[in-house]
C-alpha atoms as a PDB file:
ATOM      1  CA  MET A   1       6.013  51.915 -65.432  1.00  0.00           C
ATOM      2  CA  LEU A   2       5.014  54.313 -67.736  1.00  0.00           C
ATOM      3  CA  LEU A   3       7.793  56.414 -66.795  1.00  0.00           C
ATOM      4  CA  LEU A   4      10.271  54.051 -68.140  1.00  0.00           C
ATOM      5  CA  PHE A   5       8.117  53.776 -71.451  1.00  0.00           C
ATOM      6  CA  ILE A   6       8.044  57.044 -71.912  1.00  0.00           C
ATOM      7  CA  ILE A   7      11.949  57.601 -71.341  1.00  0.00           C
ATOM      8  CA  ALA A   8      12.276  54.574 -73.575  1.00  0.00           C
ATOM      9  CA  VAL A   9      10.428  56.939 -76.669  1.00  0.00           C
ATOM     10  CA  LEU A  10      12.495  59.822 -76.109  1.00  0.00           C
ATOM     11  CA  VAL A  11      15.933  57.689 -76.238  1.00  0.00           C
ATOM     12  CA  PHE A  12      14.527  56.069 -79.182  1.00  0.00           C
ATOM     13  CA  ILE A  13      13.478  59.304 -80.977  1.00  0.00           C
ATOM     14  CA  TYR A  14      17.090  60.772 -79.707  1.00  0.00           C
ATOM     15  CA  LEU A  15      18.734  57.838 -81.160  1.00  0.00           C
ATOM     16  CA  CYS A  16      17.085  58.568 -84.668  1.00  0.00           C
ATOM     17  CA  TYR A  17      17.255  61.861 -84.511  1.00  0.00           C
ATOM     18  CA  VAL A  18      21.238  61.704 -83.987  1.00  0.00           C
ATOM     19  CA  LEU A  19      21.504  59.081 -86.616  1.00  0.00           C
ATOM     20  CA  VAL A  20      19.263  61.149 -89.410  1.00  0.00           C
ATOM     21  CA  LYS A  21      21.105  64.067 -89.015  1.00  0.00           C
ATOM     22  CA  PRO A  22      24.408  63.739 -90.218  1.00  0.00           C
ATOM     23  CA  GLU A  23      22.589  62.456 -93.332  1.00  0.00           C
ATOM     24  CA  LYS A  24      21.060  65.388 -94.127  1.00  0.00           C
ATOM     25  CA  PHE A  25      24.487  67.530 -94.516  1.00  0.00           C
END
Protein backbone atom coordinates (compact mmCIF):
# COMPACT_ATOMS: atom_id res chain seq x y z
CA MET A 1 0.00 0.00 0.00
CA LEU A 2 2.81 2.39 0.88
CA LEU A 3 4.54 1.63 -2.42
CA LEU A 4 1.36 2.50 -4.34
CA PHE A 5 1.12 5.78 -2.41
CA ILE A 6 4.72 6.67 -3.26
CA ILE A 7 4.14 5.85 -6.94
CA ALA A 8 0.99 7.99 -6.96
CA VAL A 9 2.91 10.93 -5.47
CA LEU A 10 5.74 10.57 -7.99
CA VAL A 11 3.26 10.44 -10.88
CA PHE A 12 1.46 13.52 -9.53
CA ILE A 13 4.74 15.45 -9.27
CA TYR A 14 5.74 14.30 -12.78
CA LEU A 15 2.43 15.45 -14.25
CA CYS A 16 2.73 18.82 -12.51
CA TYR A 17 6.29 19.19 -13.85
CA VAL A 18 5.19 18.37 -17.41
CA LEU A 19 2.23 20.77 -17.24
CA VAL A 20 4.18 23.65 -15.68
CA LYS A 21 7.37 23.32 -17.75
CA PRO A 22 5.87 24.50 -21.11
CA GLU A 23 4.41 27.60 -19.40
CA LYS A 24 7.86 28.76 -18.26
CA PHE A 25 9.09 28.82 -21.85
